Amino acid sequence: MILTLKRGVSKSEIRRVEKKIKSFGFRAHISRGAKDTTIGVIGENAILLREFFESDPAVRSIAQISKPYKLASRQIQSKDSVINIDGVKIGGKNFVIIAGPCSVESRPQLLAIARKAKKHGAKILRGGAFKPRTSPYSFQGLGAEGLKYLLEAKKITGLKIVTEVMEISQIELVDKYADMFQIGARNMQNFNLLKEIGKSRKPVLLKRGMSATVTELLMAAEYIMSGGNKNVVLCERGIRTFSQETRFTLDISAVSVLKKETHLPVIVDPSHSTGNRDYVPSMAYAAVAAGADGIIVEIHTDPLNALSDAAQTIDIPTFSAMAKKIGEIAKIFGKKI
């Protein structure tokens, strides 16, 4: 249920309504727009409280939330959320480039890539310390050692760090090193993990599962947000279809759908969605035009010999040219990198 308050209502009245909601055992989500202040009443069967607020002097109107995802819905918050990653903002008029290797392979490798990523426009460094791989014989990452290299790269370059957490037991360790948690496609519906991440206030990059619908992605975000962590960035990274020409199929229309349905920022992964470095730049440009708030892309100083996802990893000259063109396209759509 959504309560739209009367214009000019005082802060003390807002607090009173919030306290009233909580007294019934529900949670209150306050959203202040340019003209209106709304309060989302979050909880099972919240609409049953309608009669208690219809005559409230601070309430102008009451509406039912029709979406199964409450906190992520534009019904409860019409204004776009901007997620602050320790000074780097995702959302609004910003287009953020997240770049780095699929896996942290060594200290020299990571530091060299981080410096190049910084030079050519990236604001956040990606790199997997823990890697979920289809084959048990593939490189699984360096673990805690890789996290230390990521932190060193941050200190040297100033780039913020996003890295994947695969299970609950890794949260505390990754929290010490990263500025942003990544929940990978394979863990999008690992609900126990989502609940634990929800207890943190650290920003979360949530990737869409390869067979997940947009609604399922938003419900996964709801798990995190219902725990108290509102700092969620969604990522379209390709879905599984009948097509065999690319690794997955980039659902670029999902960006438009998500922008309509949710206030959360949306970024695109052109690397995993295509699985082919030849297609990465064009899909990155499409992401800008579709209204995405950023991209996450795999780069390497020696992509042919990368230990993970070599086929989809672009080299530094390609990244440099791509980032420059992204800046030009973003400007057309009123954004900046």
Protein backbone atom coordinates (compact mmCIF):
# COMPACT_ATOMS: atom_id res chain seq x y z
CA MET A 1 0.00 0.00 0.00
CA ILE A 2 1.21 3.49 -0.85
CA LEU A 3 0.28 6.56 1.17
CA THR A 4 0.64 9.89 -0.63
CA LEU A 5 0.90 12.62 1.97
CA LYS A 6 -0.57 16.08 1.72
CA ARG A 7 1.72 18.72 0.30
CA GLY A 8 3.46 20.81 2.90
CA VAL A 9 3.12 18.15 5.58
CA SER A 10 5.65 18.64 8.38
CA LYS A 11 8.54 16.35 9.25
CA SER A 12 6.94 15.60 12.61
CA GLU A 13 3.76 14.48 10.86
CA ILE A 14 5.78 12.22 8.55
CA ARG A 15 7.48 10.66 11.57
CA ARG A 16 4.08 10.20 13.22
CA VAL A 17 2.69 8.33 10.22
CA GLU A 18 5.85 6.22 10.02
CA LYS A 19 5.53 5.32 13.71
CA LYS A 20 1.87 4.46 13.21
CA ILE A 21 2.75 2.06 10.36
CA LYS A 22 5.40 0.36 12.47
CA SER A 23 3.01 0.01 15.40
CA PHE A 24 0.96 -2.40 13.25
CA GLY A 25 4.06 -4.51 12.56
CA PHE A 26 4.71 -3.22 9.03
CA ARG A 27 7.70 -1.41 7.54
CA ALA A 28 7.64 2.09 6.08
CA HIS A 29 9.57 3.20 3.00
CA ILE A 30 9.63 7.00 2.71
CA SER A 31 10.21 8.59 -0.69
CA ARG A 32 10.43 12.37 -1.09
CA GLY A 33 9.81 13.63 -4.61
CA ALA A 34 9.91 17.14 -6.03
CA LYS A 35 6.24 17.67 -5.15
CA ASP A 36 4.97 14.70 -3.16
CA THR A 37 6.11 12.59 -0.24
CA THR A 38 4.97 9.00 -0.35
CA ILE A 39 5.26 6.21 2.20
CA GLY A 40 5.19 2.60 1.12
CA VAL A 41 3.65 0.27 3.68
CA ILE A 42 5.59 -2.96 3.28
CA GLY A 43 4.31 -6.29 4.53
CA GLU A 44 1.88 -9.10 3.81
CA ASN A 45 -1.70 -7.83 3.43
CA ALA A 46 -0.71 -4.21 4.07
CA ILE A 47 -3.86 -3.10 2.27
CA LEU A 48 -5.84 -4.24 5.32
CA LEU A 49 -4.55 -1.13 7.10
CA ARG A 50 -6.33 1.14 4.64
CA GLU A 51 -9.17 2.02 7.03
CA PHE A 52 -6.68 3.19 9.66
CA PHE A 53 -5.18 5.79 7.30
CA GLU A 54 -8.17 6.94 5.23
CA SER A 55 -9.02 9.63 7.77
CA ASP A 56 -5.46 10.43 8.81
CA PRO A 57 -4.95 14.22 8.58
CA ALA A 58 -1.54 13.83 6.90
CA VAL A 59 -2.67 11.43 4.16
CA ARG A 60 -3.98 12.72 0.80
CA SER A 61 -4.56 9.43 -1.03
CA ILE A 62 -4.03 5.67 -0.74
CA ALA A 63 -3.15 3.22 -3.51
CA GLN A 64 -2.45 -0.48 -3.59
CA ILE A 65 0.92 -1.74 -4.83
CA SER A 66 0.06 -4.02 -7.73
CA LYS A 67 3.55 -5.44 -8.31
CA PRO A 68 4.91 -8.44 -6.39
CA TYR A 69 8.16 -6.51 -5.93
CA LYS A 70 7.38 -3.65 -3.58
CA LEU A 71 10.59 -1.83 -2.67
CA ALA A 72 12.04 -2.11 -6.19
CA SER A 73 8.90 -0.85 -7.89
CA ARG A 74 8.41 2.59 -9.41
CA GLN A 75 5.02 2.60 -7.72
CA ILE A 76 6.71 3.14 -4.40
CA GLN A 77 9.47 5.41 -5.72
CA SER A 78 9.09 7.25 -9.00
CA LYS A 79 12.46 9.03 -8.85
CA ASP A 80 15.50 7.11 -10.14
CA SER A 81 17.80 5.82 -7.42
CA VAL A 82 21.45 6.80 -7.61
CA ILE A 83 23.76 4.32 -5.91
CA ASN A 84 26.90 5.80 -4.40
CA ILE A 85 29.97 3.52 -4.52
CA ASP A 86 32.26 5.45 -2.19
CA GLY A 87 32.02 8.56 -4.36
CA VAL A 88 31.28 6.91 -7.72
CA LYS A 89 27.61 7.32 -8.58
CA ILE A 90 25.63 4.84 -10.69
CA GLY A 91 22.35 6.16 -11.99
CA GLY A 92 20.91 9.54 -12.87
CA LYS A 93 22.98 11.40 -15.46
CA ASN A 94 26.01 9.16 -14.95
CA PHE A 95 27.21 6.37 -17.24
CA VAL A 96 29.74 4.26 -15.38
CA ILE A 97 32.26 1.94 -16.98
CA ILE A 98 33.25 -1.07 -14.88
CA ALA A 99 36.22 -2.90 -16.38
CA GLY A 100 38.84 -5.48 -15.52
CA PRO A 101 39.80 -9.12 -15.99
CA CYS A 102 37.36 -11.97 -15.56
CA SER A 103 39.69 -13.44 -12.94
CA VAL A 104 42.48 -12.04 -10.83
CA GLU A 105 45.38 -14.14 -12.13
CA SER A 106 48.41 -12.50 -10.52
CA ARG A 107 49.52 -9.26 -8.92
CA PRO A 108 51.42 -7.95 -12.00
CA GLN A 109 48.51 -8.85 -14.29
CA LEU A 110 45.91 -7.09 -12.18
CA LEU A 111 47.94 -3.94 -11.52
CA ALA A 112 48.76 -3.54 -15.22
CA ILE A 113 45.09 -3.91 -16.22
CA ALA A 114 43.91 -1.61 -13.43
CA ARG A 115 46.20 1.18 -14.58
CA LYS A 116 44.94 0.85 -18.16
CA ALA A 117 41.31 0.70 -17.04
CA LYS A 118 41.77 3.91 -15.06
CA LYS A 119 43.55 5.66 -17.92
CA HIS A 120 40.78 4.97 -20.41
CA GLY A 121 37.75 5.94 -18.35
CA ALA A 122 36.77 3.13 -16.00
CA LYS A 123 35.59 4.18 -12.53
CA ILE A 124 35.26 0.70 -11.02
CA LEU A 125 37.60 -2.28 -11.31
CA ARG A 126 36.07 -5.74 -11.68
CA GLY A 127 37.97 -8.93 -11.01
CA GLY A 128 36.97 -12.34 -9.73
CA ALA A 129 38.78 -13.69 -6.68
CA PHE A 130 36.28 -16.53 -6.37
CA LYS A 131 35.11 -17.87 -9.75
CA PRO A 132 32.12 -20.17 -10.34
CA ARG A 133 33.06 -22.16 -13.41
CA THR A 134 31.09 -24.67 -15.47
CA SER A 135 34.03 -27.07 -15.49
CA PRO A 136 35.63 -28.19 -12.20
CA TYR A 137 38.96 -28.24 -14.04
CA SER A 138 38.86 -24.55 -14.98
CA PHE A 139 40.71 -21.84 -13.05
CA GLN A 140 38.66 -21.08 -9.93
CA GLY A 141 40.39 -17.86 -8.85
CA LEU A 142 43.02 -16.97 -6.23
CA GLY A 143 40.61 -16.51 -3.33
CA ALA A 144 41.82 -14.33 -0.45
CA GLU A 145 45.11 -13.65 -2.22
CA GLY A 146 43.21 -12.18 -5.16
CA LEU A 147 41.26 -9.90 -2.82
CA LYS A 148 44.53 -8.49 -1.50
CA TYR A 149 45.67 -7.69 -5.03
CA LEU A 150 42.36 -5.96 -5.72
CA LEU A 151 42.78 -3.77 -2.65
CA GLU A 152 46.33 -2.89 -3.70
CA ALA A 153 45.08 -1.96 -7.17
CA LYS A 154 42.50 0.32 -5.55
CA LYS A 155 45.14 2.07 -3.47
CA ILE A 156 47.34 2.63 -6.52
CA THR A 157 44.69 3.72 -9.04
CA GLY A 158 41.79 5.02 -6.95
CA LEU A 159 39.37 2.68 -8.74
CA LYS A 160 36.57 1.24 -6.65
CA ILE A 161 36.34 -2.54 -6.43
CA VAL A 162 33.52 -4.93 -7.29
CA THR A 163 34.01 -8.67 -6.91
CA GLU A 164 31.79 -11.69 -6.65
CA VAL A 165 30.69 -13.37 -3.46
CA MET A 166 29.52 -16.93 -4.06
CA GLU A 167 28.38 -18.10 -0.64
CA ILE A 168 27.46 -16.79 2.80
CA SER A 169 30.79 -17.79 4.33
CA GLN A 170 32.63 -15.41 1.94
CA ILE A 171 30.65 -12.26 2.77
CA GLU A 172 32.69 -11.16 5.78
CA LEU A 173 36.00 -11.66 3.96
CA VAL A 174 34.94 -9.93 0.73
CA ASP A 175 33.43 -7.08 2.74
CA LYS A 176 36.91 -6.16 4.02
CA TYR A 177 38.29 -5.62 0.51
CA ALA A 178 35.49 -4.71 -1.90
CA ASP A 179 33.43 -1.54 -2.33
CA MET A 180 30.62 -3.48 -3.96
CA PHE A 181 29.41 -7.07 -3.78
CA GLN A 182 28.60 -8.89 -7.00
CA ILE A 183 25.94 -11.60 -7.03
CA GLY A 184 26.54 -13.64 -10.17
CA ALA A 185 23.94 -15.07 -12.54
CA ARG A 186 24.24 -18.54 -11.03
CA ASN A 187 23.44 -17.17 -7.56
CA MET A 188 20.64 -14.78 -8.50
CA GLN A 189 18.12 -17.06 -6.80
CA ASN A 190 20.34 -18.21 -3.97
CA PHE A 191 17.83 -16.74 -1.52
CA ASN A 192 19.81 -17.48 1.64
CA LEU A 193 22.76 -15.58 0.18
CA LEU A 194 20.51 -12.70 -0.89
CA LYS A 195 19.05 -12.46 2.61
CA GLU A 196 22.51 -12.25 4.18
CA ILE A 197 23.66 -9.63 1.66
CA GLY A 198 20.51 -7.71 2.56
CA LYS A 199 21.81 -7.32 6.11
CA SER A 200 24.78 -5.34 4.77
CA ARG A 201 24.56 -1.75 3.57
CA LYS A 202 27.31 -2.22 1.00
CA PRO A 203 26.19 -1.71 -2.65
CA VAL A 204 25.31 -4.85 -4.58
CA LEU A 205 25.61 -5.62 -8.30
CA LEU A 206 22.92 -8.20 -9.01
CA LYS A 207 23.22 -10.09 -12.29
CA ARG A 208 20.22 -11.56 -14.05
CA GLY A 209 20.20 -15.34 -14.17
CA MET A 210 20.64 -16.91 -17.57
CA SER A 211 17.10 -18.33 -17.53
CA ALA A 212 15.44 -15.71 -15.33
CA THR A 213 12.60 -13.39 -16.27
CA VAL A 214 12.73 -9.67 -15.52
CA THR A 215 10.19 -10.19 -12.75
CA GLU A 216 12.37 -12.90 -11.18
CA LEU A 217 15.34 -10.53 -11.29
CA LEU A 218 13.33 -7.85 -9.52
CA MET A 219 12.10 -10.33 -6.94
CA ALA A 220 15.74 -11.29 -6.27
CA ALA A 221 16.47 -7.59 -5.74
CA GLU A 222 13.48 -7.47 -3.40
CA TYR A 223 15.09 -10.13 -1.19
CA ILE A 224 18.13 -7.89 -0.73
CA MET A 225 16.13 -4.70 -0.27
CA SER A 226 13.67 -6.24 2.18
CA GLY A 227 16.64 -6.97 4.43
CA GLY A 228 17.37 -3.26 4.60
CA ASN A 229 19.98 -2.89 1.84
CA LYS A 230 18.52 -0.51 -0.75
CA ASN A 231 21.83 -0.11 -2.62
CA VAL A 232 21.15 -2.50 -5.52
CA VAL A 233 22.31 -2.17 -9.14
CA LEU A 234 20.75 -4.55 -11.67
CA CYS A 235 22.73 -6.13 -14.50
CA GLU A 236 21.44 -7.59 -17.77
CA ARG A 237 24.08 -10.14 -18.82
CA GLY A 238 22.35 -12.22 -21.46
CA ILE A 239 19.84 -15.03 -21.30
CA ARG A 240 19.78 -18.55 -22.71
CA THR A 241 17.83 -18.90 -25.96
CA PHE A 242 17.85 -21.23 -28.98
CA SER A 243 20.50 -19.06 -30.67
CA GLN A 244 23.97 -20.62 -30.95
CA GLU A 245 25.77 -17.73 -32.62
CA THR A 246 26.57 -16.06 -29.30
CA ARG A 247 27.25 -17.41 -25.83
CA PHE A 248 23.93 -16.01 -24.62
CA THR A 249 21.42 -13.57 -26.09
CA LEU A 250 21.69 -9.99 -24.87
CA ASP A 251 18.16 -8.95 -23.96
CA ILE A 252 18.65 -5.26 -24.68
CA SER A 253 14.90 -4.71 -24.39
CA ALA A 254 15.19 -5.71 -20.72
CA VAL A 255 16.88 -2.35 -20.09
CA SER A 256 13.76 -0.51 -21.28
CA VAL A 257 11.46 -2.81 -19.33
CA LEU A 258 13.49 -2.41 -16.14
CA LYS A 259 13.61 1.36 -16.55
CA LYS A 260 9.82 1.36 -16.65
CA GLU A 261 9.32 -1.05 -13.78
CA THR A 262 12.00 -0.05 -11.27
CA HIS A 263 13.85 2.96 -9.92
CA LEU A 264 17.05 0.94 -9.50
CA PRO A 265 20.03 1.59 -11.82
CA VAL A 266 20.56 -0.87 -14.68
CA ILE A 267 23.85 -1.80 -16.32
CA VAL A 268 24.70 -4.19 -19.16
CA ASP A 269 27.37 -6.87 -19.49
CA PRO A 270 28.32 -7.08 -23.20
CA SER A 271 31.08 -9.61 -22.48
CA HIS A 272 29.15 -12.53 -21.01
CA SER A 273 26.09 -11.88 -23.14
CA THR A 274 27.99 -12.34 -26.40
CA GLY A 275 30.94 -14.53 -25.44
CA ASN A 276 32.79 -13.06 -28.41
CA ARG A 277 35.12 -10.06 -28.24
CA ASP A 278 34.13 -9.00 -31.78
CA TYR A 279 30.61 -8.16 -30.59
CA VAL A 280 31.42 -6.46 -27.30
CA PRO A 281 31.83 -2.85 -28.55
CA SER A 282 28.61 -2.76 -30.58
CA MET A 283 26.59 -4.20 -27.70
CA ALA A 284 28.16 -1.67 -25.34
CA TYR A 285 27.02 1.14 -27.65
CA ALA A 286 23.54 -0.38 -27.78
CA ALA A 287 23.45 -0.36 -23.98
CA VAL A 288 24.06 3.39 -23.89
CA ALA A 289 21.34 4.04 -26.48
CA ALA A 290 18.88 1.79 -24.63
CA GLY A 291 19.21 3.92 -21.49
CA ALA A 292 21.52 1.80 -19.36
CA ASP A 293 23.44 3.44 -16.52
CA GLY A 294 26.71 1.67 -17.27
CA ILE A 295 28.47 -1.42 -18.52
CA ILE A 296 30.66 -4.08 -16.96
CA VAL A 297 33.23 -5.36 -19.44
CA GLU A 298 36.16 -7.78 -19.40
CA ILE A 299 39.53 -6.40 -20.48
CA HIS A 300 43.06 -7.81 -20.43
CA THR A 301 46.56 -6.82 -21.50
CA ASP A 302 46.91 -10.26 -23.11
CA PRO A 303 43.36 -11.52 -23.74
CA LEU A 304 44.34 -14.53 -25.83
CA ASN A 305 46.09 -15.98 -22.80
CA ALA A 306 43.57 -14.97 -20.15
CA LEU A 307 42.87 -17.80 -17.72
CA SER A 308 39.12 -17.13 -17.77
CA ASP A 309 36.76 -16.24 -20.63
CA ALA A 310 39.52 -15.42 -23.10
CA ALA A 311 37.18 -15.48 -26.11
CA GLN A 312 35.05 -12.59 -24.83
CA THR A 313 37.83 -10.45 -23.35
CA ILE A 314 38.91 -7.35 -25.28
CA ASP A 315 42.40 -5.88 -25.42
CA ILE A 316 43.39 -2.44 -24.18
CA PRO A 317 43.40 -0.61 -27.57
CA THR A 318 39.86 -1.89 -28.24
CA PHE A 319 38.77 -0.81 -24.77
CA SER A 320 40.28 2.63 -25.23
CA ALA A 321 38.50 3.22 -28.54
CA MET A 322 35.24 1.79 -27.17
CA ALA A 323 35.31 3.97 -24.05
CA LYS A 324 35.88 7.09 -26.14
CA LYS A 325 32.91 6.32 -28.37
CA ILE A 326 30.74 5.47 -25.36
CA GLY A 327 31.47 8.95 -24.03
CA GLU A 328 30.32 10.47 -27.30
CA ILE A 329 27.10 8.44 -27.41
CA ALA A 330 26.35 9.07 -23.73
CA LYS A 331 26.59 12.81 -24.32
CA ILE A 332 23.87 12.57 -26.96
CA PHE A 333 21.55 11.03 -24.38
CA GLY A 334 22.40 13.56 -21.70
CA LYS A 335 24.81 11.39 -19.73
CA LYS A 336 28.49 11.57 -18.97
CA ILE A 337 31.15 9.01 -18.10
